[in-house]
C-alpha atoms as a PDB file:
ATOM      1  CA  MET A   1     277.204  13.367  12.394  1.00  0.00           C
ATOM      2  CA  LYS A   2     273.957  15.673  12.443  1.00  0.00           C
ATOM      3  CA  VAL A   3     273.133  18.812   9.798  1.00  0.00           C
ATOM      4  CA  PHE A   4     271.565  22.468  10.506  1.00  0.00           C
ATOM      5  CA  LYS A   5     270.372  24.107   8.709  1.00  0.00           C
ATOM      6  CA  VAL A   6     271.969  27.811   7.871  1.00  0.00           C
ATOM      7  CA  GLU A   7     270.459  30.835   7.044  1.00  0.00           C
ATOM      8  CA  ILE A   8     272.404  33.500   6.265  1.00  0.00           C
ATOM      9  CA  GLU A   9     271.707  37.671   4.910  1.00  0.00           C
ATOM     10  CA  LEU A  10     274.304  39.241   3.062  1.00  0.00           C
ATOM     11  CA  VAL A  11     273.829  42.829   2.092  1.00  0.00           C
ATOM     12  CA  SER A  12     275.913  42.332  -0.651  1.00  0.00           C
ATOM     13  CA  TYR A  13     277.695  39.337  -2.911  1.00  0.00           C
ATOM     14  CA  ILE A  14     279.811  38.958  -5.762  1.00  0.00           C
ATOM     15  CA  ALA A  15     280.644  35.445  -7.108  1.00  0.00           C
ATOM     16  CA  HIS A  16     283.324  36.271  -9.947  1.00  0.00           C
ATOM     17  CA  PRO A  17     284.206  32.749 -10.843  1.00  0.00           C
ATOM     18  CA  TYR A  18     287.407  31.663 -12.574  1.00  0.00           C
ATOM     19  CA  TRP A  19     285.777  28.806 -14.980  1.00  0.00           C
ATOM     20  CA  PRO A  20     288.007  26.375 -16.643  1.00  0.00           C
ATOM     21  CA  ALA A  21     286.445  27.728 -20.168  1.00  0.00           C
ATOM     22  CA  LYS A  22     287.853  31.316 -19.754  1.00  0.00           C
ATOM     23  CA  ASN A  23     291.301  30.343 -18.250  1.00  0.00           C
ATOM     24  CA  ARG A  24     291.459  27.763 -22.079  1.00  0.00           C
ATOM     25  CA  VAL A  25     290.469  31.410 -23.645  1.00  0.00           C
ATOM     26  CA  ILE A  26     293.117  32.487 -21.720  1.00  0.00           C
ATOM     27  CA  GLU A  27     295.478  30.747 -23.425  1.00  0.00           C
ATOM     28  CA  ILE A  28     294.275  30.197 -26.626  1.00  0.00           C
ATOM     29  CA  GLU A  29     294.392  33.980 -26.834  1.00  0.00           C
ATOM     30  CA  LYS A  30     298.018  34.675 -25.428  1.00  0.00           C
ATOM     31  CA  LYS A  31     299.633  31.375 -27.599  1.00  0.00           C
ATOM     32  CA  SER A  32     297.827  33.165 -30.867  1.00  0.00           C
ATOM     33  CA  GLY A  33     298.897  36.982 -30.673  1.00  0.00           C
ATOM     34  CA  VAL A  34     295.745  37.810 -31.474  1.00  0.00           C
ATOM     35  CA  ASN A  35     296.119  41.200 -30.065  1.00  0.00           C
ATOM     36  CA  ARG A  36     298.664  41.588 -31.968  1.00  0.00           C
ATOM     37  CA  GLN A  37     296.666  41.544 -35.293  1.00  0.00           C
ATOM     38  CA  LYS A  38     295.213  44.238 -36.741  1.00  0.00           C
ATOM     39  CA  SER A  39     291.670  43.185 -39.451  1.00  0.00           C
ATOM     40  CA  GLU A  40     290.031  41.073 -38.869  1.00  0.00           C
ATOM     41  CA  GLU A  41     290.755  38.313 -40.975  1.00  0.00           C
ATOM     42  CA  LYS A  42     294.004  37.716 -39.121  1.00  0.00           C
ATOM     43  CA  ARG A  43     292.909  37.466 -36.426  1.00  0.00           C
ATOM     44  CA  GLU A  44     290.010  34.547 -36.711  1.00  0.00           C
ATOM     45  CA  ALA A  45     293.375  33.093 -38.972  1.00  0.00           C
ATOM     46  CA  ALA A  46     295.510  33.464 -35.878  1.00  0.00           C
ATOM     47  CA  LEU A  47     293.090  32.281 -33.174  1.00  0.00           C
ATOM     48  CA  LYS A  48     292.002  29.173 -35.996  1.00  0.00           C
ATOM     49  CA  ALA A  49     295.864  28.112 -37.099  1.00  0.00           C
ATOM     50  CA  GLU A  50     295.814  27.414 -32.859  1.00  0.00           C
ATOM     51  CA  CYS A  51     293.053  26.657 -31.668  1.00  0.00           C
ATOM     52  CA  GLU A  52     294.387  23.491 -34.627  1.00  0.00           C
ATOM     53  CA  ARG A  53     297.221  23.475 -32.944  1.00  0.00           C
ATOM     54  CA  GLN A  54     295.652  22.802 -29.311  1.00  0.00           C
ATOM     55  CA  GLY A  55     293.487  19.935 -30.645  1.00  0.00           C
ATOM     56  CA  THR A  56     289.804  22.085 -30.706  1.00  0.00           C
ATOM     57  CA  THR A  57     288.097  24.107 -33.452  1.00  0.00           C
ATOM     58  CA  LEU A  58     287.618  27.598 -33.372  1.00  0.00           C
ATOM     59  CA  GLU A  59     283.856  26.926 -32.613  1.00  0.00           C
ATOM     60  CA  ALA A  60     284.554  25.540 -28.839  1.00  0.00           C
ATOM     61  CA  TYR A  61     287.155  27.901 -28.677  1.00  0.00           C
ATOM     62  CA  ARG A  62     283.599  30.321 -29.356  1.00  0.00           C
ATOM     63  CA  ALA A  63     281.734  28.243 -27.186  1.00  0.00           C
ATOM     64  CA  ASP A  64     284.129  28.543 -24.935  1.00  0.00           C
ATOM     65  CA  LYS A  65     285.154  32.259 -25.005  1.00  0.00           C
ATOM     66  CA  ILE A  66     281.075  32.800 -23.436  1.00  0.00           C
ATOM     67  CA  ALA A  67     280.940  30.273 -20.618  1.00  0.00           C
ATOM     68  CA  GLY A  68     283.689  32.164 -19.196  1.00  0.00           C
ATOM     69  CA  ALA A  69     282.336  35.118 -18.613  1.00  0.00           C
ATOM     70  CA  GLN A  70     279.263  33.984 -17.016  1.00  0.00           C
ATOM     71  CA  HIS A  71     279.071  35.983 -13.759  1.00  0.00           C
ATOM     72  CA  TRP A  72     277.610  33.000 -11.455  1.00  0.00           C
ATOM     73  CA  TYR A  73     277.454  30.044 -10.404  1.00  0.00           C
ATOM     74  CA  ARG A  74     273.773  28.341 -10.539  1.00  0.00           C
ATOM     75  CA  GLU A  75     271.897  25.068 -10.316  1.00  0.00           C
ATOM     76  CA  PRO A  76     271.580  24.342 -12.726  1.00  0.00           C
ATOM     77  CA  GLN A  77     274.416  25.565 -14.954  1.00  0.00           C
ATOM     78  CA  GLN A  78     272.329  27.891 -17.737  1.00  0.00           C
ATOM     79  CA  PRO A  79     272.136  31.819 -18.099  1.00  0.00           C
ATOM     80  CA  ASP A  80     268.252  31.469 -15.558  1.00  0.00           C
ATOM     81  CA  GLY A  81     269.950  28.921 -13.115  1.00  0.00           C
ATOM     82  CA  ILE A  82     269.259  30.295  -9.617  1.00  0.00           C
ATOM     83  CA  ILE A  83     272.362  31.304  -7.724  1.00  0.00           C
ATOM     84  CA  TYR A  84     274.039  30.315  -5.210  1.00  0.00           C
ATOM     85  CA  ILE A  85     277.334  30.866  -3.289  1.00  0.00           C
ATOM     86  CA  PRO A  86     279.340  28.026  -3.787  1.00  0.00           C
ATOM     87  CA  ARG A  87     280.649  25.286  -0.976  1.00  0.00           C
ATOM     88  CA  HIS A  88     284.256  26.199  -2.172  1.00  0.00           C
ATOM     89  CA  GLN A  89     284.039  29.682  -1.466  1.00  0.00           C
ATOM     90  CA  ILE A  90     282.416  28.670   2.357  1.00  0.00           C
ATOM     91  CA  HIS A  91     285.406  26.006   2.781  1.00  0.00           C
ATOM     92  CA  GLY A  92     288.220  28.218   2.038  1.00  0.00           C
ATOM     93  CA  GLY A  93     286.950  31.402   3.947  1.00  0.00           C
ATOM     94  CA  LEU A  94     286.138  29.362   7.180  1.00  0.00           C
ATOM     95  CA  VAL A  95     289.814  27.868   7.317  1.00  0.00           C
ATOM     96  CA  GLN A  96     290.944  31.576   6.693  1.00  0.00           C
ATOM     97  CA  VAL A  97     288.598  32.271   9.425  1.00  0.00           C
ATOM     98  CA  ILE A  98     290.369  29.572  11.805  1.00  0.00           C
ATOM     99  CA  GLY A  99     294.261  30.521  10.922  1.00  0.00           C
ATOM    100  CA  GLY A 100     294.339  33.956  12.405  1.00  0.00           C
ATOM    101  CA  ALA A 101     292.024  32.425  15.857  1.00  0.00           C
ATOM    102  CA  PRO A 102     293.294  31.788  18.851  1.00  0.00           C
ATOM    103  CA  LYS A 103     293.215  28.272  20.152  1.00  0.00           C
ATOM    104  CA  ALA A 104     289.478  29.736  22.062  1.00  0.00           C
ATOM    105  CA  LEU A 105     287.595  30.019  18.519  1.00  0.00           C
ATOM    106  CA  ARG A 106     288.268  27.127  16.968  1.00  0.00           C
ATOM    107  CA  GLY A 107     288.319  24.744  18.956  1.00  0.00           C
ATOM    108  CA  PRO A 108     290.233  20.984  17.901  1.00  0.00           C
ATOM    109  CA  PHE A 109     290.253  22.684  13.997  1.00  0.00           C
ATOM    110  CA  ASP A 110     293.215  23.956  11.693  1.00  0.00           C
ATOM    111  CA  ARG A 111     294.115  24.449   7.674  1.00  0.00           C
ATOM    112  CA  ASP A 112     294.318  21.202   7.923  1.00  0.00           C
ATOM    113  CA  ASN A 113     291.064  18.842   9.225  1.00  0.00           C
ATOM    114  CA  PHE A 114     288.770  21.500   9.234  1.00  0.00           C
ATOM    115  CA  ARG A 115     287.340  19.963   5.379  1.00  0.00           C
ATOM    116  CA  ALA A 116     287.810  16.495   7.033  1.00  0.00           C
ATOM    117  CA  LEU A 117     285.348  17.647   9.827  1.00  0.00           C
ATOM    118  CA  VAL A 118     283.095  19.654   9.038  1.00  0.00           C
ATOM    119  CA  ASP A 119     281.103  19.429   6.066  1.00  0.00           C
ATOM    120  CA  VAL A 120     279.835  22.594   4.483  1.00  0.00           C
ATOM    121  CA  SER A 121     276.584  22.557   1.234  1.00  0.00           C
ATOM    122  CA  ASN A 122     276.326  25.157  -1.496  1.00  0.00           C
ATOM    123  CA  PHE A 123     274.671  27.710  -0.178  1.00  0.00           C
ATOM    124  CA  LEU A 124     271.260  28.876  -1.942  1.00  0.00           C
ATOM    125  CA  THR A 125     269.813  31.685  -2.893  1.00  0.00           C
ATOM    126  CA  GLU A 126     266.408  32.258  -4.516  1.00  0.00           C
ATOM    127  CA  HIS A 127     268.054  35.153  -6.928  1.00  0.00           C
ATOM    128  CA  THR A 128     268.052  34.505 -11.044  1.00  0.00           C
ATOM    129  CA  SER A 129     269.868  37.515 -11.996  1.00  0.00           C
ATOM    130  CA  CYS A 130     271.685  40.262 -10.174  1.00  0.00           C
ATOM    131  CA  SER A 131     271.389  43.502  -8.615  1.00  0.00           C
ATOM    132  CA  GLY A 132     273.115  45.591 -10.380  1.00  0.00           C
ATOM    133  CA  ILE A 133     276.779  45.535 -11.621  1.00  0.00           C
ATOM    134  CA  PHE A 134     279.938  47.387  -9.551  1.00  0.00           C
ATOM    135  CA  GLY A 135     282.853  48.398 -11.532  1.00  0.00           C
ATOM    136  CA  ARG A 136     286.413  50.033 -10.381  1.00  0.00           C
ATOM    137  CA  PHE A 137     290.426  50.310 -10.961  1.00  0.00           C
ATOM    138  CA  ALA A 138     291.835  47.354 -10.407  1.00  0.00           C
ATOM    139  CA  LYS A 139     295.832  46.776  -9.788  1.00  0.00           C
ATOM    140  CA  LEU A 140     296.871  44.577 -11.815  1.00  0.00           C
ATOM    141  CA  GLU A 141     298.945  41.781 -10.740  1.00  0.00           C
ATOM    142  CA  GLY A 142     302.877  42.455  -9.879  1.00  0.00           C
ATOM    143  CA  SER A 143     302.026  45.729 -12.483  1.00  0.00           C
ATOM    144  CA  ASN A 144     301.282  49.457 -10.730  1.00  0.00           C
ATOM    145  CA  GLN A 145     298.915  49.892 -13.773  1.00  0.00           C
ATOM    146  CA  ARG A 146     295.556  49.769 -12.806  1.00  0.00           C
ATOM    147  CA  ASN A 147     292.346  48.870 -15.233  1.00  0.00           C
ATOM    148  CA  TYR A 148     288.354  49.364 -14.948  1.00  0.00           C
ATOM    149  CA  GLN A 149     286.875  45.603 -14.620  1.00  0.00           C
ATOM    150  CA  GLU A 150     283.265  44.953 -14.093  1.00  0.00           C
ATOM    151  CA  ASN A 151     281.388  42.519 -11.907  1.00  0.00           C
ATOM    152  CA  GLU A 152     277.340  41.474 -11.555  1.00  0.00           C
ATOM    153  CA  PHE A 153     276.845  41.756  -7.758  1.00  0.00           C
ATOM    154  CA  LEU A 154     273.686  40.456  -6.414  1.00  0.00           C
ATOM    155  CA  GLY A 155     272.370  42.434  -2.790  1.00  0.00           C
ATOM    156  CA  LYS A 156     272.773  45.928  -2.280  1.00  0.00           C
ATOM    157  CA  HIS A 157     275.086  48.497  -3.230  1.00  0.00           C
ATOM    158  CA  GLU A 158     275.282  50.984  -5.564  1.00  0.00           C
ATOM    159  CA  CYS A 159     275.855  50.476  -9.451  1.00  0.00           C
ATOM    160  CA  VAL A 160     278.451  52.197 -11.247  1.00  0.00           C
ATOM    161  CA  ARG A 161     276.307  53.231 -14.166  1.00  0.00           C
ATOM    162  CA  ALA A 162     272.598  53.846 -12.510  1.00  0.00           C
ATOM    163  CA  ASN A 163     274.918  55.826 -10.635  1.00  0.00           C
ATOM    164  CA  LYS A 164     272.981  55.233  -7.751  1.00  0.00           C
ATOM    165  CA  VAL A 165     271.751  51.891  -5.015  1.00  0.00           C
ATOM    166  CA  MET A 166     270.271  48.875  -6.231  1.00  0.00           C
ATOM    167  CA  GLY A 167     269.047  46.222  -4.556  1.00  0.00           C
ATOM    168  CA  GLU A 168     267.775  44.885  -0.925  1.00  0.00           C
ATOM    169  CA  PRO A 169     269.478  42.212   1.852  1.00  0.00           C
ATOM    170  CA  PHE A 170     269.302  38.411   0.439  1.00  0.00           C
ATOM    171  CA  VAL A 171     268.554  35.317   2.175  1.00  0.00           C
ATOM    172  CA  ALA A 172     271.837  32.356   0.666  1.00  0.00           C
ATOM    173  CA  THR A 173     270.515  29.209   2.463  1.00  0.00           C
ATOM    174  CA  GLY A 174     272.498  25.320   3.029  1.00  0.00           C
ATOM    175  CA  ARG A 175     273.438  22.727   5.295  1.00  0.00           C
ATOM    176  CA  VAL A 176     276.526  21.814   7.326  1.00  0.00           C
ATOM    177  CA  THR A 177     277.453  19.216   9.132  1.00  0.00           C
ATOM    178  CA  CYS A 178     280.052  17.793  11.527  1.00  0.00           C
ATOM    179  CA  ASP A 179     279.749  16.215  15.082  1.00  0.00           C
ATOM    180  CA  PRO A 180     277.131  17.451  17.847  1.00  0.00           C
ATOM    181  CA  LYS A 181     280.074  18.870  20.170  1.00  0.00           C
ATOM    182  CA  TYR A 182     281.395  20.966  17.252  1.00  0.00           C
ATOM    183  CA  ALA A 183     278.863  22.254  16.489  1.00  0.00           C
ATOM    184  CA  GLU A 184     278.797  25.426  18.842  1.00  0.00           C
ATOM    185  CA  THR A 185     282.412  25.842  17.776  1.00  0.00           C
ATOM    186  CA  VAL A 186     281.680  25.746  13.621  1.00  0.00           C
ATOM    187  CA  ARG A 187     279.092  28.345  14.734  1.00  0.00           C
ATOM    188  CA  ALA A 188     280.762  30.759  16.331  1.00  0.00           C
ATOM    189  CA  LEU A 189     283.785  30.129  12.953  1.00  0.00           C
ATOM    190  CA  PHE A 190     280.777  30.603  10.548  1.00  0.00           C
ATOM    191  CA  THR A 191     280.009  33.448  13.114  1.00  0.00           C
ATOM    192  CA  ALA A 192     283.303  35.956  11.917  1.00  0.00           C
ATOM    193  CA  LEU A 193     283.706  33.816   8.183  1.00  0.00           C
ATOM    194  CA  VAL A 194     279.555  36.432   7.985  1.00  0.00           C
ATOM    195  CA  GLU A 195     280.167  39.357   9.915  1.00  0.00           C
ATOM    196  CA  LEU A 196     284.603  39.791   9.255  1.00  0.00           C
ATOM    197  CA  ILE A 197     286.106  37.790   6.729  1.00  0.00           C
ATOM    198  CA  GLY A 198     283.236  38.033   3.887  1.00  0.00           C
ATOM    199  CA  LEU A 199     282.028  35.506   1.539  1.00  0.00           C
ATOM    200  CA  GLY A 200     283.406  36.007  -2.092  1.00  0.00           C
ATOM    201  CA  ALA A 201     284.978  37.873  -4.578  1.00  0.00           C
ATOM    202  CA  ALA A 202     286.056  41.758  -3.598  1.00  0.00           C
ATOM    203  CA  ARG A 203     285.986  41.628   0.200  1.00  0.00           C
ATOM    204  CA  LYS A 204     288.554  44.760   0.424  1.00  0.00           C
ATOM    205  CA  MET A 205     285.198  46.519  -1.236  1.00  0.00           C
ATOM    206  CA  GLY A 206     282.630  45.955   1.149  1.00  0.00           C
ATOM    207  CA  PHE A 207     280.859  42.928  -0.221  1.00  0.00           C
ATOM    208  CA  GLY A 208     280.626  39.547   0.779  1.00  0.00           C
ATOM    209  CA  ARG A 209     279.194  40.037   4.825  1.00  0.00           C
ATOM    210  CA  GLY A 210     276.195  39.983   6.663  1.00  0.00           C
ATOM    211  CA  LYS A 211     275.162  37.493   9.379  1.00  0.00           C
ATOM    212  CA  ILE A 212     273.407  33.816  10.035  1.00  0.00           C
ATOM    213  CA  VAL A 213     269.253  34.531  10.396  1.00  0.00           C
ATOM    214  CA  ARG A 214     268.831  30.717  11.512  1.00  0.00           C
ATOM    215  CA  TRP A 215     270.698  27.961  12.389  1.00  0.00           C
ATOM    216  CA  GLN A 216     268.807  24.855  13.690  1.00  0.00           C
END
């Protein structure tokens, strides 16, 4: 196996992580009926009762509320930690490329064996804060209703709050480990991922794309 150091330059990127803490908050709020309560006192009482029923506390729920709202994967996972692109997003994107690629491009790889044959690290950026806020109306799953969503973005894009283009393209660095005889195939798949498929969230809106600037 050979380790390749890889640098990618992305024009823009949104992580949009879904944390376990966020799922716990959603479950507590849904089952407590907090949004149906009309006073702050009743909302807190409903939350406290549901927390107790689930074997947790109101303080833990509030801590999860903060943790679940974090926009980035960080190293370490602290508000001032270095932002990185997680390996599961890269692996998932590569598997998506393989799923639609002809045999000539994907070589010996398929959806089932790729993760076992190729290892990808997290890709670190040099940033600790976002470049701006991207906002849009998104269609809810299973409904025609739309709600307004905002995500922090990294790189260059129009910031909805500032109403102007902000930021610059950025570089993220990581490692790809594979059998040397498959290196060119893996590089071709990685190139298709970064240039055509994209990384992270809001890819249909143009985020997550760029180019490989180093592979050695």
